[in-house]
Every structure is written in C-alpha cells, then in structure tokens.
Amino acid sequence: MSRYLISFDDGSIEIPDDELAEVADAAHGVVAEAQAAGAWVFGGGVARQQSSIVDPDGTVGAGPDPETKAVIGGFVIVDASSREEAHRWAAKFARACRCAQEVREIMDDPLV
C-alpha cells in the first residue's frame, strides 16, 4: 500500500451558504466510506489565514498571501493499493466537495 495526498486549492471551492451543510454531509459520507474500507489515514480542512514560513535557521517570516497564491484548502491522506485507486477516492471527494482534487503520492522514508 502507498499513501496519497488528495487535496484541493482553497480558491477552487465556491459553495453557496445554503448548500454548505449538504456538501459537508456528502464529504463526511466519503470519509466514513474510506474509514470503513481501511483507506482513511487522516484529513481535514485548512484554516484560511496567512501562513508562516520557517527558514532553516529558525527565522519565521510571512508565508504566501492566500489572495495571490494557491494554498491548500483541505486534504486527506489515504492508503491505496495503486494510483488508480487513489484517483477513485479523489473522484469521490471531488463529487462530494464539488471541486477538483489533486493527487500526489507520499514517498516512504527508507529510514523509518
């Protein structure tokens, strides 16, 4: 099994306020399905705020401005037997959340 990061851009999701509960229920349904299938590892939304960048020397500075750069709005990490399986999970989340999802494989650390 490999782990995959499935995420969406903060600016890509535009849901009318009166439909938020419906979208949240649909997304939670996919989470429950992934949990039942043993694919769910972790996930959540990312608070919309100015991020911080920590340099190698420990200096903390302002991160990218969410208004001008693409930032992650939410993500899940799934265990999947193949990239195609990860794409199937991403498609379910895309339908539930009404926005495109990016899929990236997480590399294993050979020392862990």
C-alpha atoms as a PDB file:
ATOM      1  CA  MET A   1       0.000   0.000   0.000  1.00  0.00           C
ATOM      2  CA  SER A   2       1.087   3.522  -0.709  1.00  0.00           C
ATOM      3  CA  ARG A   3      -0.137   6.718   0.826  1.00  0.00           C
ATOM      4  CA  TYR A   4      -1.557   9.501  -1.296  1.00  0.00           C
ATOM      5  CA  LEU A   5      -2.284  13.128  -0.524  1.00  0.00           C
ATOM      6  CA  ILE A   6      -5.586  14.242  -2.033  1.00  0.00           C
ATOM      7  CA  SER A   7      -6.084  17.998  -1.771  1.00  0.00           C
ATOM      8  CA  PHE A   8      -7.917  20.941  -3.229  1.00  0.00           C
ATOM      9  CA  ASP A   9      -6.998  24.566  -3.753  1.00  0.00           C
ATOM     10  CA  ASP A  10      -8.614  26.977  -1.302  1.00  0.00           C
ATOM     11  CA  GLY A  11      -9.833  29.184  -4.127  1.00  0.00           C
ATOM     12  CA  SER A  12     -11.421  26.362  -6.128  1.00  0.00           C
ATOM     13  CA  ILE A  13     -14.374  25.726  -3.876  1.00  0.00           C
ATOM     14  CA  GLU A  14     -17.337  28.075  -4.191  1.00  0.00           C
ATOM     15  CA  ILE A  15     -20.413  26.758  -2.436  1.00  0.00           C
ATOM     16  CA  PRO A  16     -23.440  28.915  -1.628  1.00  0.00           C
ATOM     17  CA  ASP A  17     -24.016  29.215   2.121  1.00  0.00           C
ATOM     18  CA  ASP A  18     -27.361  27.452   1.882  1.00  0.00           C
ATOM     19  CA  GLU A  19     -25.645  24.367   0.361  1.00  0.00           C
ATOM     20  CA  LEU A  20     -22.710  24.077   2.802  1.00  0.00           C
ATOM     21  CA  ALA A  21     -24.457  21.549   5.067  1.00  0.00           C
ATOM     22  CA  GLU A  22     -25.292  19.336   2.071  1.00  0.00           C
ATOM     23  CA  VAL A  23     -21.679  19.415   0.846  1.00  0.00           C
ATOM     24  CA  ALA A  24     -20.335  18.761   4.359  1.00  0.00           C
ATOM     25  CA  ASP A  25     -22.661  15.753   4.738  1.00  0.00           C
ATOM     26  CA  ALA A  26     -21.541  14.396   1.347  1.00  0.00           C
ATOM     27  CA  ALA A  27     -17.851  14.837   2.242  1.00  0.00           C
ATOM     28  CA  HIS A  28     -18.352  13.199   5.646  1.00  0.00           C
ATOM     29  CA  GLY A  29     -20.058  10.312   3.855  1.00  0.00           C
ATOM     30  CA  VAL A  30     -16.954   9.742   1.718  1.00  0.00           C
ATOM     31  CA  VAL A  31     -14.782   9.952   4.857  1.00  0.00           C
ATOM     32  CA  ALA A  32     -16.946   7.278   6.509  1.00  0.00           C
ATOM     33  CA  GLU A  33     -16.688   5.119   3.371  1.00  0.00           C
ATOM     34  CA  ALA A  34     -12.886   5.492   3.332  1.00  0.00           C
ATOM     35  CA  GLN A  35     -12.716   4.650   7.041  1.00  0.00           C
ATOM     36  CA  ALA A  36     -14.861   1.536   6.556  1.00  0.00           C
ATOM     37  CA  ALA A  37     -12.642   0.471   3.643  1.00  0.00           C
ATOM     38  CA  GLY A  38      -9.479   0.908   5.731  1.00  0.00           C
ATOM     39  CA  ALA A  39      -8.170   3.572   3.337  1.00  0.00           C
ATOM     40  CA  TRP A  40      -8.541   6.614   5.612  1.00  0.00           C
ATOM     41  CA  VAL A  41      -5.348   7.836   7.303  1.00  0.00           C
ATOM     42  CA  PHE A  42      -6.000  11.487   8.142  1.00  0.00           C
ATOM     43  CA  GLY A  43      -7.583  14.606   6.749  1.00  0.00           C
ATOM     44  CA  GLY A  44      -9.115  17.965   7.420  1.00  0.00           C
ATOM     45  CA  GLY A  45      -9.704  21.482   6.267  1.00  0.00           C
ATOM     46  CA  VAL A  46      -7.018  24.117   6.483  1.00  0.00           C
ATOM     47  CA  ALA A  47      -7.954  27.375   8.211  1.00  0.00           C
ATOM     48  CA  ARG A  48      -7.868  30.306   5.820  1.00  0.00           C
ATOM     49  CA  GLN A  49      -5.180  32.528   7.219  1.00  0.00           C
ATOM     50  CA  GLN A  50      -1.785  33.961   6.432  1.00  0.00           C
ATOM     51  CA  SER A  51       0.740  31.169   6.754  1.00  0.00           C
ATOM     52  CA  SER A  52       4.227  31.383   8.218  1.00  0.00           C
ATOM     53  CA  ILE A  53       7.469  30.248   6.641  1.00  0.00           C
ATOM     54  CA  VAL A  54      10.188  28.917   8.953  1.00  0.00           C
ATOM     55  CA  ASP A  55      13.668  29.083   7.425  1.00  0.00           C
ATOM     56  CA  PRO A  56      16.407  26.524   8.148  1.00  0.00           C
ATOM     57  CA  ASP A  57      17.970  28.958  10.635  1.00  0.00           C
ATOM     58  CA  GLY A  58      14.673  29.165  12.560  1.00  0.00           C
ATOM     59  CA  THR A  59      13.709  32.632  11.310  1.00  0.00           C
ATOM     60  CA  VAL A  60       9.936  32.967  10.991  1.00  0.00           C
ATOM     61  CA  GLY A  61       8.537  35.104   8.203  1.00  0.00           C
ATOM     62  CA  ALA A  62       5.263  35.711   6.446  1.00  0.00           C
ATOM     63  CA  GLY A  63       4.167  32.980   4.068  1.00  0.00           C
ATOM     64  CA  PRO A  64       2.450  33.287   0.731  1.00  0.00           C
ATOM     65  CA  ASP A  65      -0.552  35.590   0.660  1.00  0.00           C
ATOM     66  CA  PRO A  66      -3.662  33.394   0.251  1.00  0.00           C
ATOM     67  CA  GLU A  67      -5.189  36.024  -2.049  1.00  0.00           C
ATOM     68  CA  THR A  68      -2.333  35.806  -4.553  1.00  0.00           C
ATOM     69  CA  LYS A  69      -1.033  32.235  -4.362  1.00  0.00           C
ATOM     70  CA  ALA A  70      -2.679  28.836  -4.468  1.00  0.00           C
ATOM     71  CA  VAL A  71      -2.972  27.371  -0.991  1.00  0.00           C
ATOM     72  CA  ILE A  72      -4.370  24.072   0.222  1.00  0.00           C
ATOM     73  CA  GLY A  73      -7.931  24.436   1.451  1.00  0.00           C
ATOM     74  CA  GLY A  74      -8.334  20.859   2.623  1.00  0.00           C
ATOM     75  CA  PHE A  75      -6.760  17.442   2.266  1.00  0.00           C
ATOM     76  CA  VAL A  76      -6.996  13.754   3.014  1.00  0.00           C
ATOM     77  CA  ILE A  77      -4.341  11.089   3.157  1.00  0.00           C
ATOM     78  CA  VAL A  78      -5.404   7.640   2.035  1.00  0.00           C
ATOM     79  CA  ASP A  79      -3.763   4.236   1.861  1.00  0.00           C
ATOM     80  CA  ALA A  80      -4.299   2.878  -1.630  1.00  0.00           C
ATOM     81  CA  SER A  81      -3.016  -0.148  -3.479  1.00  0.00           C
ATOM     82  CA  SER A  82      -2.436   1.885  -6.657  1.00  0.00           C
ATOM     83  CA  ARG A  83      -2.536   5.374  -8.107  1.00  0.00           C
ATOM     84  CA  GLU A  84      -5.760   4.372  -9.870  1.00  0.00           C
ATOM     85  CA  GLU A  85      -7.359   3.530  -6.522  1.00  0.00           C
ATOM     86  CA  ALA A  86      -6.226   6.911  -5.162  1.00  0.00           C
ATOM     87  CA  HIS A  87      -7.844   8.510  -8.227  1.00  0.00           C
ATOM     88  CA  ARG A  88     -11.112   6.720  -7.402  1.00  0.00           C
ATOM     89  CA  TRP A  89     -11.041   8.166  -3.871  1.00  0.00           C
ATOM     90  CA  ALA A  90     -10.202  11.600  -5.285  1.00  0.00           C
ATOM     91  CA  ALA A  91     -13.171  11.355  -7.661  1.00  0.00           C
ATOM     92  CA  LYS A  92     -15.487  10.605  -4.740  1.00  0.00           C
ATOM     93  CA  PHE A  93     -14.170  13.601  -2.816  1.00  0.00           C
ATOM     94  CA  ALA A  94     -14.378  15.794  -5.930  1.00  0.00           C
ATOM     95  CA  ARG A  95     -18.058  14.920  -6.360  1.00  0.00           C
ATOM     96  CA  ALA A  96     -18.814  15.424  -2.664  1.00  0.00           C
ATOM     97  CA  CYS A  97     -16.889  18.706  -2.348  1.00  0.00           C
ATOM     98  CA  ARG A  98     -17.823  19.964  -5.821  1.00  0.00           C
ATOM     99  CA  CYS A  99     -14.258  20.839  -6.758  1.00  0.00           C
ATOM    100  CA  ALA A 100     -11.256  19.261  -8.448  1.00  0.00           C
ATOM    101  CA  GLN A 101      -8.803  17.314  -6.316  1.00  0.00           C
ATOM    102  CA  GLU A 102      -5.041  16.968  -6.735  1.00  0.00           C
ATOM    103  CA  VAL A 103      -3.478  13.554  -6.121  1.00  0.00           C
ATOM    104  CA  ARG A 104       0.159  13.151  -5.084  1.00  0.00           C
ATOM    105  CA  GLU A 105       1.942  10.051  -3.840  1.00  0.00           C
ATOM    106  CA  ILE A 106       3.688  10.393  -0.494  1.00  0.00           C
ATOM    107  CA  MET A 107       7.189   8.965  -0.592  1.00  0.00           C
ATOM    108  CA  ASP A 108       8.173   6.470   2.099  1.00  0.00           C
ATOM    109  CA  ASP A 109      11.138   7.336   4.274  1.00  0.00           C
ATOM    110  CA  PRO A 110      13.546   4.387   3.908  1.00  0.00           C
ATOM    111  CA  LEU A 111      14.955   5.056   7.383  1.00  0.00           C
ATOM    112  CA  VAL A 112      11.653   4.740   9.226  1.00  0.00           C
END
